[in-house]
């Protein structure tokens, strides 16, 4: 072989291996490991502090990518190695490296939906979160009992400092991002409350010379007493009337809150329990909210309906609210419906 042919062969082999290397790198980066429908999916959690090296090796170990060093080279060239976010992710062998990296940069973690029911109290919510593996009951209660959010949210300014966030955890469906701190989750709920309690509603409260705390406390009782919008407005009118006249609210819902037990009827001894939440013994509103009310109950507390009714009870068989104008009529209804 003459020198000229030898040089051409060397040049050909050089370009051949360059093209081969480029194809290899392109294939490993831009083609997913699985291209024929035989996909493998894993759920993996990257802890805070894990870098591109640890993430790459974890992905290779789980069979999502073939070559960890190439993953590291890609994020280094892109200058994004420090932007990969911790959390719980779902990855598939049908994803290529850019798609995986994009997911990590966006923090596109697995989100779990949870629903806070109207009328739940803090114990109900914390138990629900623990039972669903979202947060430990103790850590959630620590956040709502001890962390001060009043500097972030104006609607908490008139809440007594010694009270927790009972009443302010707005009932709704929320998405919990894996790895999200419990304080951040509570902050999201409070942000929702902030939106739901509109400027118009706050102005209406101010015009009545009431505080947001008073309205939420009243709404929390209404939420536990009756179900329909109309009944809530009527009961709100009865309760505000009683406060104005200096008559105890006598709400069984407050006794249920004290005892931690829901019953259709409470004994005389139950109504004698000494507690700042006992509206049989104490005039006016209880110490604070007894549940977390929905917007319908909050609006009912702000806009009560004036009627001639002064008493009410709930038929345990039908759930219907029975109203009465006089105490005598109320006693007759108790004999009839609460036997």
Protein backbone atom coordinates (compact mmCIF):
# COMPACT_ATOMS: atom_id res chain seq x y z
CA UNK A 1 0.00 0.00 0.00
CA UNK A 2 1.49 3.32 -1.03
CA UNK A 3 1.71 6.26 1.32
CA UNK A 4 -1.14 8.19 -0.35
CA UNK A 5 -3.58 5.29 0.00
CA UNK A 6 -2.46 4.74 3.57
CA UNK A 7 -3.18 8.37 4.48
CA UNK A 8 -6.60 8.15 2.85
CA UNK A 9 -7.39 5.00 4.82
CA UNK A 10 -6.31 6.65 8.08
CA UNK A 11 -8.41 9.71 7.27
CA UNK A 12 -11.39 7.52 6.39
CA UNK A 13 -11.09 5.54 9.60
CA UNK A 14 -10.73 8.76 11.60
CA UNK A 15 -13.93 10.23 10.17
CA UNK A 16 -15.68 6.88 10.48
CA UNK A 17 -14.95 6.69 14.21
CA UNK A 18 -15.84 10.37 14.66
CA UNK A 19 -19.22 9.79 12.98
CA UNK A 20 -19.66 6.60 15.00
CA UNK A 21 -18.88 8.44 18.23
CA UNK A 22 -21.24 11.31 17.33
CA UNK A 23 -23.98 8.82 16.48
CA UNK A 24 -23.38 6.99 19.74
CA UNK A 25 -23.58 10.15 21.83
CA UNK A 26 -26.64 11.39 19.89
CA UNK A 27 -28.36 8.03 20.29
CA UNK A 28 -27.62 7.80 24.03
CA UNK A 29 -28.83 11.36 24.67
CA UNK A 30 -31.77 11.79 22.33
CA UNK A 31 -33.12 8.29 21.88
CA UNK A 32 -34.90 6.74 24.86
CA UNK A 33 -33.69 3.41 26.15
CA UNK A 34 -36.96 1.81 25.14
CA UNK A 35 -38.19 2.59 21.65
CA UNK A 36 -40.45 -0.36 20.90
CA UNK A 37 -43.18 -0.02 23.52
CA UNK A 38 -41.57 -2.22 26.19
CA UNK A 39 -41.44 0.57 28.75
CA UNK A 40 -40.29 0.36 32.33
CA UNK A 41 -41.55 2.95 34.80
CA UNK A 42 -40.08 3.66 38.20
CA UNK A 43 -40.85 6.08 40.99
CA UNK A 44 -37.72 7.49 42.50
CA UNK A 45 -37.05 10.09 45.19
CA UNK A 46 -34.05 12.38 44.94
CA UNK A 47 -33.15 13.84 48.30
CA UNK A 48 -31.98 17.41 48.78
CA UNK A 49 -28.23 17.69 48.32
CA UNK A 50 -28.00 15.01 45.64
CA UNK A 51 -25.97 16.23 42.67
CA UNK A 52 -25.91 15.28 39.00
CA UNK A 53 -23.46 12.46 39.70
CA UNK A 54 -25.70 10.75 42.28
CA UNK A 55 -28.80 11.27 40.15
CA UNK A 56 -27.10 9.87 37.04
CA UNK A 57 -25.90 6.75 38.83
CA UNK A 58 -29.36 6.22 40.37
CA UNK A 59 -31.02 6.46 36.94
CA UNK A 60 -28.51 4.03 35.46
CA UNK A 61 -28.92 1.60 38.37
CA UNK A 62 -32.71 1.61 37.90
CA UNK A 63 -32.32 0.99 34.17
CA UNK A 64 -33.76 4.31 32.96
CA UNK A 65 -30.53 5.34 31.18
CA UNK A 66 -27.60 3.27 29.96
CA UNK A 67 -24.65 5.49 30.65
CA UNK A 68 -24.44 7.75 33.72
CA UNK A 69 -21.34 9.72 32.60
CA UNK A 70 -23.19 10.90 29.49
CA UNK A 71 -26.02 12.28 31.64
CA UNK A 72 -23.46 14.24 33.65
CA UNK A 73 -21.77 15.53 30.49
CA UNK A 74 -25.14 16.70 29.12
CA UNK A 75 -26.16 18.69 32.22
CA UNK A 76 -22.61 20.13 32.50
CA UNK A 77 -22.57 21.32 28.88
CA UNK A 78 -26.05 22.84 29.36
CA UNK A 79 -24.86 24.54 32.57
CA UNK A 80 -27.83 23.20 34.55
CA UNK A 81 -26.23 20.72 36.92
CA UNK A 82 -27.10 22.96 39.88
CA UNK A 83 -30.74 23.37 38.87
CA UNK A 84 -31.90 19.78 39.32
CA UNK A 85 -34.62 19.75 41.98
CA UNK A 86 -35.16 17.20 44.72
CA UNK A 87 -38.46 15.37 45.03
CA UNK A 88 -40.40 12.27 44.13
CA UNK A 89 -40.47 11.63 40.37
CA UNK A 90 -41.86 9.12 37.92
CA UNK A 91 -39.45 8.17 35.14
CA UNK A 92 -39.80 5.82 32.17
CA UNK A 93 -37.46 4.10 29.76
CA UNK A 94 -39.48 5.84 27.02
CA UNK A 95 -37.90 9.16 28.10
CA UNK A 96 -34.63 10.47 26.70
CA UNK A 97 -32.05 12.39 28.71
CA UNK A 98 -33.31 15.91 27.75
CA UNK A 99 -36.84 14.92 28.81
CA UNK A 100 -35.58 13.53 32.12
CA UNK A 101 -33.48 16.63 32.77
CA UNK A 102 -36.35 18.96 31.88
CA UNK A 103 -38.55 17.18 34.41
CA UNK A 104 -35.88 17.57 37.08
CA UNK A 105 -35.36 21.26 36.32
CA UNK A 106 -39.07 22.07 36.37
CA UNK A 107 -39.54 20.08 39.58
CA UNK A 108 -42.27 18.09 37.83
CA UNK A 109 -42.67 15.81 40.81
CA UNK A 110 -45.49 13.41 41.62
CA UNK A 111 -48.39 15.36 43.11
CA UNK A 112 -50.96 13.87 45.42
CA UNK A 113 -54.45 15.36 45.65
CA UNK A 114 -55.98 15.74 49.08
CA UNK A 115 -59.37 17.17 50.00
CA UNK A 116 -60.12 19.06 53.20
CA UNK A 117 -63.81 18.65 53.98
CA UNK A 118 -65.96 21.55 55.15
CA UNK A 119 -66.39 21.38 58.90
CA UNK A 120 -63.24 19.38 59.61
CA UNK A 121 -61.19 20.55 62.56
CA UNK A 122 -57.42 20.37 62.95
CA UNK A 123 -57.55 16.91 64.46
CA UNK A 124 -59.61 15.63 61.50
CA UNK A 125 -57.22 17.18 58.98
CA UNK A 126 -54.02 16.00 60.68
CA UNK A 127 -55.35 12.44 61.01
CA UNK A 128 -56.37 12.43 57.34
CA UNK A 129 -52.92 13.62 56.23
CA UNK A 130 -51.17 10.99 58.33
CA UNK A 131 -53.47 8.17 57.21
CA UNK A 132 -52.75 9.07 53.59
CA UNK A 133 -49.00 9.17 54.15
CA UNK A 134 -48.70 12.89 53.38
CA UNK A 135 -47.43 14.28 56.70
CA UNK A 136 -47.09 12.99 60.23
CA UNK A 137 -49.88 14.23 62.48
CA UNK A 138 -47.43 15.76 64.95
CA UNK A 139 -45.51 17.77 62.35
CA UNK A 140 -48.70 19.17 60.83
CA UNK A 141 -50.12 20.15 64.23
CA UNK A 142 -46.78 21.73 65.14
CA UNK A 143 -46.97 23.94 62.05
CA UNK A 144 -50.57 25.10 62.62
CA UNK A 145 -50.15 25.47 66.38
CA UNK A 146 -46.75 27.11 66.71
CA UNK A 147 -45.72 28.83 63.49
CA UNK A 148 -46.74 32.48 63.15
CA UNK A 149 -48.12 33.24 59.67
CA UNK A 150 -49.63 36.59 60.69
CA UNK A 151 -46.75 38.54 59.15
CA UNK A 152 -47.60 37.02 55.77
CA UNK A 153 -51.39 37.24 55.83
CA UNK A 154 -53.38 40.30 56.91
CA UNK A 155 -56.52 38.30 57.67
CA UNK A 156 -54.69 36.74 60.63
CA UNK A 157 -53.90 40.11 62.24
CA UNK A 158 -56.99 40.12 64.47
CA UNK A 159 -56.61 36.46 65.50
CA UNK A 160 -55.44 36.14 69.13
CA UNK A 161 -51.77 35.20 69.18
CA UNK A 162 -52.34 32.33 71.58
CA UNK A 163 -54.72 30.53 69.23
CA UNK A 164 -53.79 28.21 66.37
CA UNK A 165 -55.03 28.22 62.77
CA UNK A 166 -58.31 26.44 63.49
CA UNK A 167 -60.92 28.00 61.21
CA UNK A 168 -58.48 29.33 58.60
CA UNK A 169 -57.59 26.11 56.76
CA UNK A 170 -59.96 26.60 53.86
CA UNK A 171 -61.78 23.41 52.79
CA UNK A 172 -60.81 22.57 49.21
CA UNK A 173 -58.86 20.10 47.08
CA UNK A 174 -55.10 20.68 47.08
CA UNK A 175 -52.13 19.19 45.29
CA UNK A 176 -49.32 18.20 47.61
CA UNK A 177 -45.95 18.15 45.91
CA UNK A 178 -43.66 15.39 47.09
CA UNK A 179 -40.94 16.79 49.31
CA UNK A 180 -42.89 19.97 50.02
CA UNK A 181 -42.50 21.08 53.63
CA UNK A 182 -45.54 21.05 55.88
CA UNK A 183 -45.18 24.81 56.44
CA UNK A 184 -45.28 25.42 52.70
CA UNK A 185 -48.39 23.26 52.42
CA UNK A 186 -50.11 25.24 55.19
CA UNK A 187 -49.03 28.44 53.45
CA UNK A 188 -50.74 27.29 50.22
CA UNK A 189 -53.98 26.65 52.14
CA UNK A 190 -53.81 30.11 53.72
CA UNK A 191 -53.18 31.67 50.31
CA UNK A 192 -56.37 30.00 49.13
CA UNK A 193 -58.26 31.43 52.12
CA UNK A 194 -56.81 34.84 51.26
CA UNK A 195 -58.28 34.59 47.75
CA UNK A 196 -61.67 33.27 48.85
CA UNK A 197 -62.18 36.02 51.42
CA UNK A 198 -62.53 38.73 48.79
CA UNK A 199 -62.16 42.48 49.19
CA UNK A 200 -65.96 42.86 49.06
CA UNK A 201 -66.45 40.35 51.87
CA UNK A 202 -63.81 42.05 54.02
CA UNK A 203 -65.42 45.43 53.45
CA UNK A 204 -68.80 44.01 54.49
CA UNK A 205 -67.24 42.69 57.71
CA UNK A 206 -65.66 46.06 58.47
CA UNK A 207 -68.94 47.91 57.87
CA UNK A 208 -70.58 45.71 60.50
CA UNK A 209 -67.85 46.61 63.02
CA UNK A 210 -66.92 42.94 63.26
CA UNK A 211 -63.55 41.28 62.88
CA UNK A 212 -62.58 38.49 60.49
CA UNK A 213 -61.85 36.36 63.55
CA UNK A 214 -65.39 36.85 64.85
CA UNK A 215 -66.88 35.97 61.46
CA UNK A 216 -64.76 32.84 61.08
CA UNK A 217 -65.63 31.75 64.62
CA UNK A 218 -69.34 32.20 63.91
CA UNK A 219 -69.02 30.50 60.51
CA UNK A 220 -67.28 27.52 62.12
CA UNK A 221 -70.30 26.96 64.40
CA UNK A 222 -72.81 27.43 61.58
CA UNK A 223 -70.86 24.91 59.47
CA UNK A 224 -71.33 22.23 62.13
CA UNK A 225 -74.95 23.06 62.96
CA UNK A 226 -76.76 23.04 59.60
CA UNK A 227 -76.14 22.04 55.98
CA UNK A 228 -78.12 24.11 53.47
CA UNK A 229 -77.39 27.68 52.43
CA UNK A 230 -80.82 28.93 53.52
CA UNK A 231 -80.62 27.20 56.91
CA UNK A 232 -77.14 28.62 57.48
CA UNK A 233 -78.38 32.17 56.86
CA UNK A 234 -81.34 31.70 59.22
CA UNK A 235 -79.20 30.15 61.97
CA UNK A 236 -76.68 32.95 61.54
CA UNK A 237 -79.50 35.42 62.14
CA UNK A 238 -80.60 33.54 65.28
CA UNK A 239 -77.07 33.41 66.70
CA UNK A 240 -76.24 37.08 66.05
CA UNK A 241 -79.61 38.00 67.55
CA UNK A 242 -78.79 36.03 70.69
CA UNK A 243 -75.43 37.73 71.05
CA UNK A 244 -77.07 41.16 70.70
CA UNK A 245 -79.69 40.25 73.33
CA UNK A 246 -77.16 38.75 75.75
CA UNK A 247 -78.53 35.21 75.42
CA UNK A 248 -76.16 32.20 75.27
CA UNK A 249 -75.80 30.65 71.82
CA UNK A 250 -76.34 27.18 73.30
CA UNK A 251 -74.72 25.47 70.33
CA UNK A 252 -74.39 21.70 70.61
CA UNK A 253 -71.59 21.93 68.07
CA UNK A 254 -69.39 23.61 70.67
CA UNK A 255 -70.09 20.79 73.13
CA UNK A 256 -69.14 18.29 70.42
CA UNK A 257 -65.87 20.20 69.91
CA UNK A 258 -65.10 20.10 73.64
CA UNK A 259 -65.87 16.38 73.98
CA UNK A 260 -64.51 15.35 70.62
CA UNK A 261 -67.68 13.34 70.05
CA UNK A 262 -70.56 14.08 67.68
CA UNK A 263 -74.00 13.18 69.08
CA UNK A 264 -77.57 14.06 68.17
CA UNK A 265 -78.25 15.01 71.76
CA UNK A 266 -76.14 15.99 74.78
CA UNK A 267 -76.91 15.60 78.44
CA UNK A 268 -77.36 18.39 80.92
CA UNK A 269 -74.01 17.40 82.45
CA UNK A 270 -72.37 17.83 79.05
CA UNK A 271 -73.62 21.40 78.84
CA UNK A 272 -72.06 22.13 82.25
CA UNK A 273 -68.52 21.30 81.16
CA UNK A 274 -66.27 24.20 82.08
CA UNK A 275 -64.59 25.40 78.92
CA UNK A 276 -64.17 28.72 77.08
CA UNK A 277 -65.76 26.91 74.13
CA UNK A 278 -68.95 26.07 76.03
CA UNK A 279 -71.67 28.33 74.60
CA UNK A 280 -74.19 27.07 77.18
CA UNK A 281 -72.21 28.48 80.10
CA UNK A 282 -70.61 31.49 78.39
CA UNK A 283 -72.20 34.43 76.59
CA UNK A 284 -71.16 35.40 73.08
CA UNK A 285 -68.86 33.52 70.78
CA UNK A 286 -66.59 30.74 72.04
CA UNK A 287 -62.87 31.28 72.51
CA UNK A 288 -62.22 30.62 68.82
CA UNK A 289 -63.34 28.63 65.76
CA UNK A 290 -64.40 25.02 66.28
CA UNK A 291 -64.00 23.89 62.65
CA UNK A 292 -62.81 25.07 59.27
CA UNK A 293 -65.84 26.51 57.47
CA UNK A 294 -66.48 26.71 53.75
CA UNK A 295 -67.32 29.89 51.87
CA UNK A 296 -71.07 29.31 52.14
CA UNK A 297 -70.91 29.33 55.94
CA UNK A 298 -68.57 32.32 55.94
CA UNK A 299 -70.98 34.30 53.77
CA UNK A 300 -73.88 33.24 56.00
CA UNK A 301 -71.99 34.60 59.02
CA UNK A 302 -71.45 37.91 57.19
CA UNK A 303 -74.95 38.15 55.73
CA UNK A 304 -77.41 36.66 58.26
CA UNK A 305 -81.09 36.40 57.47
CA UNK A 306 -83.43 38.13 59.90
CA UNK A 307 -86.47 36.03 60.81
CA UNK A 308 -88.88 35.61 63.70
CA UNK A 309 -87.19 32.32 64.60
CA UNK A 310 -85.29 32.07 67.87
CA UNK A 311 -84.65 28.33 68.20
CA UNK A 312 -83.83 25.37 65.99
CA UNK A 313 -82.94 21.69 66.12
CA UNK A 314 -82.04 18.99 63.63
CA UNK A 315 -84.27 16.01 62.99
CA UNK A 316 -81.87 13.05 63.44
CA UNK A 317 -83.89 10.91 61.03
CA UNK A 318 -84.06 13.28 58.08
CA UNK A 319 -81.35 15.84 58.84
CA UNK A 320 -83.92 18.59 58.32
CA UNK A 321 -83.64 21.75 60.41
CA UNK A 322 -86.75 22.46 62.50
CA UNK A 323 -87.16 26.12 63.45
CA UNK A 324 -89.40 27.58 66.14
CA UNK A 325 -90.30 31.08 67.28
CA UNK A 326 -90.91 30.48 70.98
CA UNK A 327 -89.30 28.40 73.70
CA UNK A 328 -92.56 26.52 74.21
CA UNK A 329 -92.70 25.61 70.53
CA UNK A 330 -89.05 24.56 70.69
CA UNK A 331 -89.76 22.23 73.63
CA UNK A 332 -92.62 20.64 71.71
CA UNK A 333 -90.28 20.07 68.75
CA UNK A 334 -87.64 18.53 71.04
CA UNK A 335 -90.21 16.10 72.40
CA UNK A 336 -91.31 15.26 68.89
CA UNK A 337 -87.96 14.90 67.13
CA UNK A 338 -85.40 14.15 69.86
CA UNK A 339 -87.06 11.33 71.74
